[in-house]
Amino acid sequence: MRRPLAAVIGSTRATEQQLALAHELGTALVDCGFRVVTGGLGGVMDAALRGARASSRYQSGDTLAVLPSYRTHDASDMADVVLCTGMNHARNTILVASASVVLAVGGRSGTLGELALAWELGRPILCVGDSEGWATRLAGEGLDDRRTDKIHGPLAPCEAARLARTLAHDVPAPPHFA
């Protein structure tokens, strides 16, 4: 059986609080049966992958990095699988589209773009923690009227992972992308 992917998004310039949240989230996601995919760089991305590897349920292949560059050495050492796209920010589409659910911790403009893509693609979105950044600003909101749901949160990491598990079905493409 294919295990679902959970995308963890957030800033490379994260606060200590955001790093701790991302680490705890990574662990909780693997504990709940997910593989964790990130943008593969530092900050929240690295912390989530480190947390995923800290899970007692971790298996090789549970951590994936979708890089903006062609350079594998740019990836977090915690990534089991590294995809070098050479697409810069356009790699965000691959990251979000391949995930069954998207979880945001903090975040700056790059995270905002990923949240918009996730919304457009119909992915469930969960915001973790209540630290500064786009995740907290958008928790409980909808981005536009194309969807009737809202962005979930703010949630504690374990609570977010459990809710993600209930939301992460095979998410169909929105009608205008099918």
N, C-alpha and C. Protein backbone atom coordinates (compact mmCIF):
# COMPACT_ATOMS: atom_id res chain seq x y z
N MET A 1 0.84 -1.19 0.00
CA MET A 1 0.00 0.00 0.00
C MET A 1 0.88 1.25 0.00
N ARG A 2 0.52 2.20 -0.82
CA ARG A 2 1.27 3.45 -0.90
C ARG A 2 0.98 4.31 0.33
N ARG A 3 2.04 4.80 0.96
CA ARG A 3 1.86 5.68 2.13
C ARG A 3 1.72 7.12 1.66
N PRO A 4 0.83 7.89 2.26
CA PRO A 4 0.60 9.26 1.80
C PRO A 4 1.78 10.18 2.12
N LEU A 5 1.92 11.20 1.29
CA LEU A 5 2.93 12.23 1.51
C LEU A 5 2.29 13.43 2.19
N ALA A 6 2.96 13.93 3.21
CA ALA A 6 2.57 15.18 3.85
C ALA A 6 3.65 16.20 3.56
N ALA A 7 3.27 17.31 2.95
CA ALA A 7 4.23 18.39 2.67
C ALA A 7 4.28 19.31 3.87
N VAL A 8 5.48 19.56 4.37
CA VAL A 8 5.69 20.53 5.44
C VAL A 8 6.38 21.73 4.81
N ILE A 9 5.75 22.89 4.94
CA ILE A 9 6.29 24.11 4.34
C ILE A 9 6.55 25.15 5.41
N GLY A 10 7.53 26.00 5.16
CA GLY A 10 7.88 27.07 6.08
C GLY A 10 9.22 27.66 5.68
N SER A 11 9.63 28.64 6.40
CA SER A 11 10.79 29.45 6.04
C SER A 11 12.14 28.81 6.36
N THR A 12 13.13 29.16 5.54
CA THR A 12 14.51 28.80 5.86
C THR A 12 15.00 29.66 7.02
N ARG A 13 14.41 30.82 7.21
CA ARG A 13 14.78 31.73 8.30
C ARG A 13 13.77 31.63 9.44
N ALA A 14 13.65 30.46 9.98
CA ALA A 14 12.66 30.18 11.02
C ALA A 14 13.17 30.57 12.40
N THR A 15 12.23 30.83 13.29
CA THR A 15 12.57 31.10 14.69
C THR A 15 12.83 29.77 15.40
N GLU A 16 13.40 29.84 16.58
CA GLU A 16 13.62 28.63 17.38
C GLU A 16 12.30 27.92 17.67
N GLN A 17 11.26 28.70 17.95
CA GLN A 17 9.93 28.12 18.21
C GLN A 17 9.43 27.37 16.98
N GLN A 18 9.58 27.95 15.80
CA GLN A 18 9.14 27.30 14.57
C GLN A 18 9.93 26.04 14.28
N LEU A 19 11.24 26.07 14.55
CA LEU A 19 12.06 24.88 14.35
C LEU A 19 11.60 23.74 15.26
N ALA A 20 11.31 24.08 16.51
CA ALA A 20 10.83 23.06 17.46
C ALA A 20 9.48 22.50 17.02
N LEU A 21 8.58 23.36 16.56
CA LEU A 21 7.28 22.91 16.07
C LEU A 21 7.44 21.99 14.86
N ALA A 22 8.31 22.38 13.93
CA ALA A 22 8.51 21.58 12.72
C ALA A 22 9.11 20.21 13.05
N HIS A 23 10.04 20.17 14.00
CA HIS A 23 10.64 18.90 14.41
C HIS A 23 9.58 17.99 15.01
N GLU A 24 8.80 18.53 15.93
CA GLU A 24 7.73 17.73 16.56
C GLU A 24 6.71 17.28 15.51
N LEU A 25 6.41 18.15 14.56
CA LEU A 25 5.46 17.81 13.50
C LEU A 25 5.99 16.67 12.63
N GLY A 26 7.26 16.74 12.24
CA GLY A 26 7.85 15.68 11.43
C GLY A 26 7.74 14.32 12.11
N THR A 27 8.04 14.29 13.41
CA THR A 27 7.93 13.04 14.17
C THR A 27 6.49 12.55 14.18
N ALA A 28 5.56 13.45 14.49
CA ALA A 28 4.15 13.07 14.58
C ALA A 28 3.60 12.57 13.24
N LEU A 29 4.05 13.17 12.15
CA LEU A 29 3.56 12.74 10.83
C LEU A 29 3.99 11.32 10.51
N VAL A 30 5.25 10.99 10.76
CA VAL A 30 5.71 9.62 10.51
C VAL A 30 5.01 8.66 11.48
N ASP A 31 4.83 9.09 12.72
CA ASP A 31 4.09 8.27 13.69
C ASP A 31 2.68 7.95 13.18
N CYS A 32 2.08 8.87 12.41
CA CYS A 32 0.73 8.69 11.88
C CYS A 32 0.71 8.02 10.50
N GLY A 33 1.88 7.57 10.03
CA GLY A 33 1.91 6.80 8.79
C GLY A 33 2.25 7.57 7.53
N PHE A 34 2.67 8.82 7.65
CA PHE A 34 3.03 9.61 6.48
C PHE A 34 4.51 9.48 6.14
N ARG A 35 4.82 9.77 4.89
CA ARG A 35 6.17 10.14 4.47
C ARG A 35 6.16 11.66 4.44
N VAL A 36 7.30 12.28 4.75
CA VAL A 36 7.37 13.74 4.83
C VAL A 36 8.17 14.28 3.66
N VAL A 37 7.57 15.23 2.94
CA VAL A 37 8.24 15.89 1.81
C VAL A 37 8.32 17.38 2.11
N THR A 38 9.48 17.96 1.84
CA THR A 38 9.69 19.39 2.05
C THR A 38 10.43 19.95 0.84
N GLY A 39 10.68 21.25 0.90
CA GLY A 39 11.49 21.90 -0.13
C GLY A 39 12.96 21.57 0.00
N GLY A 40 13.33 20.82 1.04
CA GLY A 40 14.65 20.22 1.15
C GLY A 40 15.77 21.09 1.64
N LEU A 41 15.50 22.34 1.97
CA LEU A 41 16.57 23.24 2.40
C LEU A 41 16.63 23.30 3.92
N GLY A 42 17.07 24.42 4.48
CA GLY A 42 17.22 24.56 5.92
C GLY A 42 15.95 25.02 6.61
N GLY A 43 16.10 25.47 7.84
CA GLY A 43 14.98 26.02 8.59
C GLY A 43 13.91 25.00 8.89
N VAL A 44 12.66 25.38 8.66
CA VAL A 44 11.51 24.51 8.92
C VAL A 44 11.63 23.21 8.14
N MET A 45 12.13 23.28 6.91
CA MET A 45 12.23 22.08 6.07
C MET A 45 13.16 21.05 6.69
N ASP A 46 14.35 21.48 7.08
CA ASP A 46 15.31 20.57 7.71
C ASP A 46 14.78 20.05 9.04
N ALA A 47 14.19 20.93 9.84
CA ALA A 47 13.67 20.52 11.15
C ALA A 47 12.59 19.46 11.01
N ALA A 48 11.70 19.60 10.03
CA ALA A 48 10.64 18.60 9.82
C ALA A 48 11.24 17.26 9.42
N LEU A 49 12.26 17.28 8.56
CA LEU A 49 12.90 16.03 8.15
C LEU A 49 13.63 15.38 9.32
N ARG A 50 14.29 16.19 10.14
CA ARG A 50 14.96 15.66 11.34
C ARG A 50 13.95 15.01 12.27
N GLY A 51 12.83 15.68 12.46
CA GLY A 51 11.77 15.13 13.30
C GLY A 51 11.24 13.82 12.74
N ALA A 52 11.05 13.77 11.43
CA ALA A 52 10.57 12.54 10.79
C ALA A 52 11.51 11.39 11.07
N ARG A 53 12.80 11.65 10.97
CA ARG A 53 13.79 10.59 11.23
C ARG A 53 13.85 10.20 12.70
N ALA A 54 13.38 11.07 13.59
CA ALA A 54 13.38 10.77 15.02
C ALA A 54 12.23 9.86 15.43
N SER A 55 11.26 9.67 14.56
CA SER A 55 10.12 8.82 14.87
C SER A 55 10.55 7.37 15.03
N SER A 56 9.95 6.68 15.98
CA SER A 56 10.23 5.25 16.15
C SER A 56 9.69 4.44 14.97
N ARG A 57 8.81 5.03 14.17
CA ARG A 57 8.24 4.36 12.99
C ARG A 57 8.98 4.72 11.69
N TYR A 58 10.03 5.51 11.80
CA TYR A 58 10.79 5.93 10.62
C TYR A 58 11.37 4.73 9.87
N GLN A 59 11.28 4.78 8.55
CA GLN A 59 11.91 3.81 7.66
C GLN A 59 12.64 4.59 6.57
N SER A 60 13.68 4.00 6.03
CA SER A 60 14.38 4.64 4.93
C SER A 60 13.38 4.94 3.81
N GLY A 61 13.46 6.14 3.27
CA GLY A 61 12.53 6.56 2.23
C GLY A 61 11.40 7.43 2.75
N ASP A 62 11.35 7.64 4.06
CA ASP A 62 10.27 8.44 4.65
C ASP A 62 10.49 9.95 4.51
N THR A 63 11.70 10.39 4.16
CA THR A 63 11.97 11.82 4.05
C THR A 63 12.39 12.17 2.63
N LEU A 64 11.69 13.14 2.05
CA LEU A 64 11.92 13.54 0.66
C LEU A 64 12.16 15.04 0.58
N ALA A 65 13.04 15.43 -0.34
CA ALA A 65 13.35 16.83 -0.57
C ALA A 65 13.13 17.15 -2.05
N VAL A 66 12.37 18.20 -2.32
CA VAL A 66 12.16 18.68 -3.68
C VAL A 66 12.91 20.01 -3.79
N LEU A 67 14.10 19.95 -4.36
CA LEU A 67 14.99 21.12 -4.38
C LEU A 67 14.68 22.08 -5.53
N PRO A 68 14.95 23.37 -5.30
CA PRO A 68 14.80 24.35 -6.37
C PRO A 68 15.97 24.31 -7.35
N SER A 69 17.07 23.70 -6.96
CA SER A 69 18.30 23.72 -7.76
C SER A 69 18.57 22.35 -8.38
N TYR A 70 19.68 22.27 -9.10
CA TYR A 70 20.16 21.01 -9.66
C TYR A 70 21.20 20.36 -8.75
N ARG A 71 21.51 20.95 -7.61
CA ARG A 71 22.62 20.52 -6.77
C ARG A 71 22.15 19.67 -5.59
N THR A 72 22.46 18.39 -5.61
CA THR A 72 22.05 17.52 -4.51
C THR A 72 22.66 17.96 -3.19
N HIS A 73 23.83 18.57 -3.22
CA HIS A 73 24.47 18.98 -1.96
C HIS A 73 23.73 20.14 -1.28
N ASP A 74 22.75 20.74 -1.95
CA ASP A 74 21.93 21.78 -1.32
C ASP A 74 20.92 21.18 -0.33
N ALA A 75 20.66 19.90 -0.46
CA ALA A 75 19.60 19.25 0.33
C ALA A 75 20.02 19.03 1.78
N SER A 76 19.04 19.05 2.65
CA SER A 76 19.23 18.66 4.03
C SER A 76 19.81 17.25 4.08
N ASP A 77 20.73 17.01 5.00
CA ASP A 77 21.29 15.68 5.18
C ASP A 77 20.23 14.68 5.65
N MET A 78 19.09 15.16 6.08
CA MET A 78 18.03 14.30 6.59
C MET A 78 17.12 13.75 5.49
N ALA A 79 17.33 14.18 4.25
CA ALA A 79 16.49 13.72 3.14
C ALA A 79 16.99 12.38 2.62
N ASP A 80 16.11 11.39 2.60
CA ASP A 80 16.43 10.07 2.03
C ASP A 80 16.39 10.12 0.51
N VAL A 81 15.43 10.85 -0.02
CA VAL A 81 15.23 10.97 -1.46
C VAL A 81 15.33 12.45 -1.81
N VAL A 82 16.19 12.77 -2.79
CA VAL A 82 16.39 14.16 -3.20
C VAL A 82 16.02 14.29 -4.68
N LEU A 83 15.08 15.18 -4.95
CA LEU A 83 14.69 15.48 -6.32
C LEU A 83 15.23 16.86 -6.68
N CYS A 84 16.17 16.91 -7.59
CA CYS A 84 16.76 18.17 -8.05
C CYS A 84 15.98 18.65 -9.26
N THR A 85 15.23 19.73 -9.10
CA THR A 85 14.35 20.17 -10.19
C THR A 85 14.97 21.24 -11.08
N GLY A 86 15.86 22.07 -10.55
CA GLY A 86 16.38 23.19 -11.32
C GLY A 86 15.31 24.19 -11.69
N MET A 87 14.20 24.17 -10.96
CA MET A 87 13.04 25.00 -11.32
C MET A 87 12.85 26.21 -10.42
N ASN A 88 13.79 26.47 -9.51
CA ASN A 88 13.67 27.56 -8.55
C ASN A 88 12.30 27.45 -7.85
N HIS A 89 11.55 28.55 -7.76
CA HIS A 89 10.29 28.52 -7.01
C HIS A 89 9.21 27.69 -7.70
N ALA A 90 9.36 27.43 -8.98
CA ALA A 90 8.36 26.60 -9.67
C ALA A 90 8.32 25.19 -9.10
N ARG A 91 9.38 24.78 -8.39
CA ARG A 91 9.38 23.47 -7.75
C ARG A 91 8.29 23.35 -6.70
N ASN A 92 7.77 24.49 -6.23
CA ASN A 92 6.70 24.47 -5.23
C ASN A 92 5.47 23.73 -5.76
N THR A 93 5.24 23.80 -7.06
CA THR A 93 4.11 23.09 -7.65
C THR A 93 4.28 21.58 -7.48
N ILE A 94 5.47 21.08 -7.73
CA ILE A 94 5.75 19.65 -7.57
C ILE A 94 5.57 19.25 -6.11
N LEU A 95 6.10 20.05 -5.21
CA LEU A 95 6.02 19.78 -3.78
C LEU A 95 4.56 19.66 -3.33
N VAL A 96 3.76 20.65 -3.65
CA VAL A 96 2.37 20.69 -3.20
C VAL A 96 1.51 19.66 -3.93
N ALA A 97 1.70 19.52 -5.23
CA ALA A 97 0.86 18.60 -6.01
C ALA A 97 1.10 17.14 -5.64
N SER A 98 2.29 16.81 -5.16
CA SER A 98 2.59 15.42 -4.83
C SER A 98 2.11 15.04 -3.43
N ALA A 99 1.69 16.01 -2.64
CA ALA A 99 1.27 15.75 -1.26
C ALA A 99 -0.24 15.56 -1.17
N SER A 100 -0.64 14.73 -0.21
CA SER A 100 -2.07 14.55 0.08
C SER A 100 -2.59 15.63 1.00
N VAL A 101 -1.68 16.24 1.75
CA VAL A 101 -2.03 17.28 2.72
C VAL A 101 -0.82 18.19 2.87
N VAL A 102 -1.07 19.48 3.15
CA VAL A 102 0.00 20.46 3.29
C VAL A 102 -0.09 21.08 4.68
N LEU A 103 1.05 21.08 5.39
CA LEU A 103 1.10 21.64 6.74
C LEU A 103 2.12 22.76 6.77
N ALA A 104 1.72 23.93 7.26
CA ALA A 104 2.58 25.11 7.26
C ALA A 104 2.96 25.49 8.68
N VAL A 105 4.24 25.84 8.84
CA VAL A 105 4.77 26.35 10.11
C VAL A 105 5.37 27.71 9.80
N GLY A 106 4.79 28.77 10.38
CA GLY A 106 5.32 30.12 10.14
C GLY A 106 5.23 30.47 8.67
N GLY A 107 6.34 30.92 8.14
CA GLY A 107 6.42 31.15 6.71
C GLY A 107 6.46 32.59 6.28
N ARG A 108 7.17 32.79 5.18
CA ARG A 108 7.31 34.10 4.56
C ARG A 108 6.68 34.06 3.17
N SER A 109 7.17 34.84 2.24
CA SER A 109 6.51 34.93 0.93
C SER A 109 6.53 33.61 0.16
N GLY A 110 7.59 32.83 0.27
CA GLY A 110 7.62 31.53 -0.41
C GLY A 110 6.54 30.60 0.10
N THR A 111 6.34 30.61 1.41
CA THR A 111 5.29 29.80 2.02
C THR A 111 3.92 30.28 1.58
N LEU A 112 3.76 31.58 1.47
CA LEU A 112 2.49 32.14 1.00
C LEU A 112 2.15 31.62 -0.39
N GLY A 113 3.15 31.58 -1.27
CA GLY A 113 2.93 31.04 -2.60
C GLY A 113 2.55 29.57 -2.57
N GLU A 114 3.20 28.80 -1.70
CA GLU A 114 2.87 27.38 -1.56
C GLU A 114 1.46 27.19 -1.02
N LEU A 115 1.06 28.03 -0.08
CA LEU A 115 -0.30 27.96 0.45
C LEU A 115 -1.33 28.25 -0.64
N ALA A 116 -1.05 29.24 -1.47
CA ALA A 116 -1.97 29.56 -2.58
C ALA A 116 -2.07 28.39 -3.56
N LEU A 117 -0.94 27.76 -3.87
CA LEU A 117 -0.96 26.59 -4.75
C LEU A 117 -1.76 25.45 -4.14
N ALA A 118 -1.54 25.20 -2.86
CA ALA A 118 -2.28 24.13 -2.17
C ALA A 118 -3.78 24.40 -2.20
N TRP A 119 -4.15 25.65 -2.00
CA TRP A 119 -5.56 26.03 -2.05
C TRP A 119 -6.12 25.78 -3.44
N GLU A 120 -5.39 26.23 -4.45
CA GLU A 120 -5.82 26.09 -5.84
C GLU A 120 -5.96 24.61 -6.24
N LEU A 121 -5.07 23.77 -5.73
CA LEU A 121 -5.07 22.34 -6.07
C LEU A 121 -6.01 21.51 -5.20
N GLY A 122 -6.69 22.15 -4.27
CA GLY A 122 -7.66 21.44 -3.45
C GLY A 122 -7.06 20.61 -2.33
N ARG A 123 -5.82 20.87 -1.97
CA ARG A 123 -5.19 20.12 -0.90
C ARG A 123 -5.67 20.63 0.46
N PRO A 124 -5.93 19.73 1.40
CA PRO A 124 -6.21 20.18 2.76
C PRO A 124 -4.98 20.91 3.30
N ILE A 125 -5.21 22.02 3.99
CA ILE A 125 -4.12 22.83 4.52
C ILE A 125 -4.30 22.96 6.02
N LEU A 126 -3.21 22.70 6.76
CA LEU A 126 -3.22 22.83 8.21
C LEU A 126 -2.08 23.74 8.63
N CYS A 127 -2.37 24.65 9.54
CA CYS A 127 -1.35 25.54 10.07
C CYS A 127 -0.99 25.09 11.47
N VAL A 128 0.31 25.00 11.71
CA VAL A 128 0.82 24.43 12.96
C VAL A 128 1.46 25.53 13.80
N GLY A 129 1.04 25.60 15.06
CA GLY A 129 1.60 26.59 15.98
C GLY A 129 0.98 27.95 15.77
N ASP A 130 1.35 28.85 16.66
CA ASP A 130 0.82 30.21 16.57
C ASP A 130 1.95 31.24 16.55
N SER A 131 3.05 30.88 15.89
CA SER A 131 4.17 31.80 15.78
C SER A 131 3.94 32.75 14.60
N GLU A 132 4.80 33.72 14.46
CA GLU A 132 4.65 34.69 13.38
C GLU A 132 4.77 34.01 12.02
N GLY A 133 4.17 34.63 11.02
CA GLY A 133 4.26 34.10 9.67
C GLY A 133 2.89 33.90 9.05
N TRP A 134 2.90 33.53 7.76
CA TRP A 134 1.67 33.38 7.01
C TRP A 134 0.77 32.27 7.53
N ALA A 135 1.34 31.21 8.05
CA ALA A 135 0.52 30.11 8.56
C ALA A 135 -0.45 30.62 9.62
N THR A 136 0.07 31.38 10.56
CA THR A 136 -0.77 31.89 11.65
C THR A 136 -1.76 32.93 11.13
N ARG A 137 -1.32 33.79 10.22
CA ARG A 137 -2.20 34.82 9.68
C ARG A 137 -3.40 34.24 8.95
N LEU A 138 -3.20 33.12 8.28
CA LEU A 138 -4.26 32.55 7.45
C LEU A 138 -5.05 31.43 8.12
N ALA A 139 -4.64 31.00 9.29
CA ALA A 139 -5.37 29.93 9.99
C ALA A 139 -6.82 30.35 10.22
N GLY A 140 -7.72 29.44 9.90
CA GLY A 140 -9.15 29.71 10.07
C GLY A 140 -9.78 30.49 8.93
N GLU A 141 -9.00 30.80 7.91
CA GLU A 141 -9.49 31.59 6.78
C GLU A 141 -9.58 30.75 5.52
N GLY A 142 -10.32 31.25 4.56
CA GLY A 142 -10.33 30.73 3.21
C GLY A 142 -9.61 31.74 2.33
N LEU A 143 -8.98 31.28 1.26
CA LEU A 143 -8.25 32.22 0.41
C LEU A 143 -9.14 32.90 -0.62
N ASP A 144 -10.19 32.20 -1.05
CA ASP A 144 -11.17 32.78 -1.97
C ASP A 144 -12.42 31.92 -1.93
N ASP A 145 -13.34 32.19 -2.84
CA ASP A 145 -14.63 31.49 -2.80
C ASP A 145 -14.66 30.22 -3.64
N ARG A 146 -13.52 29.73 -4.12
CA ARG A 146 -13.49 28.50 -4.90
C ARG A 146 -13.70 27.26 -4.04
N ARG A 147 -13.43 27.40 -2.76
CA ARG A 147 -13.60 26.28 -1.83
C ARG A 147 -14.49 26.73 -0.69
N THR A 148 -15.17 25.76 -0.10
CA THR A 148 -16.04 26.08 1.03
C THR A 148 -15.37 25.84 2.36
N ASP A 149 -14.24 25.11 2.35
CA ASP A 149 -13.55 24.85 3.61
C ASP A 149 -12.63 26.01 3.96
N LYS A 150 -11.94 25.87 5.06
CA LYS A 150 -11.00 26.88 5.54
C LYS A 150 -9.65 26.23 5.77
N ILE A 151 -8.66 27.05 5.99
CA ILE A 151 -7.35 26.56 6.39
C ILE A 151 -7.46 26.20 7.87
N HIS A 152 -7.12 24.98 8.23
CA HIS A 152 -7.26 24.50 9.60
C HIS A 152 -6.17 25.08 10.49
N GLY A 153 -6.54 25.39 11.73
CA GLY A 153 -5.52 25.80 12.68
C GLY A 153 -5.87 27.10 13.37
N PRO A 154 -4.92 27.53 14.18
CA PRO A 154 -3.62 26.91 14.45
C PRO A 154 -3.76 25.67 15.34
N LEU A 155 -2.92 24.68 15.05
CA LEU A 155 -2.97 23.39 15.73
C LEU A 155 -1.62 23.04 16.33
N ALA A 156 -1.64 22.25 17.40
CA ALA A 156 -0.41 21.68 17.94
C ALA A 156 0.07 20.60 16.97
N PRO A 157 1.37 20.31 16.93
CA PRO A 157 1.90 19.34 15.96
C PRO A 157 1.20 17.97 15.98
N CYS A 158 1.02 17.38 17.14
CA CYS A 158 0.38 16.05 17.20
C CYS A 158 -1.08 16.11 16.75
N GLU A 159 -1.76 17.17 17.15
CA GLU A 159 -3.15 17.37 16.74
C GLU A 159 -3.23 17.54 15.21
N ALA A 160 -2.28 18.29 14.65
CA ALA A 160 -2.25 18.51 13.20
C ALA A 160 -2.00 17.20 12.46
N ALA A 161 -1.09 16.38 12.95
CA ALA A 161 -0.78 15.11 12.29
C ALA A 161 -1.99 14.18 12.31
N ARG A 162 -2.69 14.13 13.43
CA ARG A 162 -3.88 13.28 13.51
C ARG A 162 -4.99 13.76 12.56
N LEU A 163 -5.21 15.08 12.53
CA LEU A 163 -6.21 15.63 11.62
C LEU A 163 -5.79 15.41 10.17
N ALA A 164 -4.51 15.57 9.88
CA ALA A 164 -4.00 15.34 8.52
C ALA A 164 -4.33 13.93 8.08
N ARG A 165 -4.21 12.99 8.99
CA ARG A 165 -4.47 11.58 8.64
C ARG A 165 -5.93 11.40 8.22
N THR A 166 -6.84 12.08 8.86
CA THR A 166 -8.25 11.95 8.48
C THR A 166 -8.56 12.68 7.18
N LEU A 167 -7.80 13.71 6.86
CA LEU A 167 -8.05 14.52 5.66
C LEU A 167 -7.33 14.01 4.42
N ALA A 168 -6.31 13.19 4.61
CA ALA A 168 -5.41 12.80 3.51
C ALA A 168 -5.93 11.60 2.75
N HIS A 169 -6.93 11.80 1.98
CA HIS A 169 -7.41 10.78 1.06
C HIS A 169 -6.78 11.08 -0.29
N ASP A 170 -7.02 10.27 -1.27
CA ASP A 170 -6.58 10.62 -2.61
C ASP A 170 -7.37 11.85 -3.01
N VAL A 171 -6.69 12.98 -3.02
CA VAL A 171 -7.35 14.25 -3.28
C VAL A 171 -7.48 14.43 -4.79
N PRO A 172 -8.71 14.53 -5.30
CA PRO A 172 -8.86 14.70 -6.75
C PRO A 172 -8.43 16.09 -7.19
N ALA A 173 -8.03 16.19 -8.44
CA ALA A 173 -7.69 17.49 -8.99
C ALA A 173 -8.95 18.33 -9.08
N PRO A 174 -8.83 19.65 -8.85
CA PRO A 174 -9.99 20.51 -9.05
C PRO A 174 -10.48 20.40 -10.50
N PRO A 175 -11.76 20.64 -10.75
CA PRO A 175 -12.30 20.46 -12.10
C PRO A 175 -11.53 21.22 -13.18
N HIS A 176 -11.06 22.42 -12.88
CA HIS A 176 -10.37 23.20 -13.90
C HIS A 176 -8.95 22.72 -14.16
N PHE A 177 -8.46 21.72 -13.41
CA PHE A 177 -7.14 21.14 -13.64
C PHE A 177 -7.22 19.69 -14.11
N ALA A 178 -8.40 19.10 -14.09
CA ALA A 178 -8.55 17.67 -14.41
C ALA A 178 -8.20 17.37 -15.85
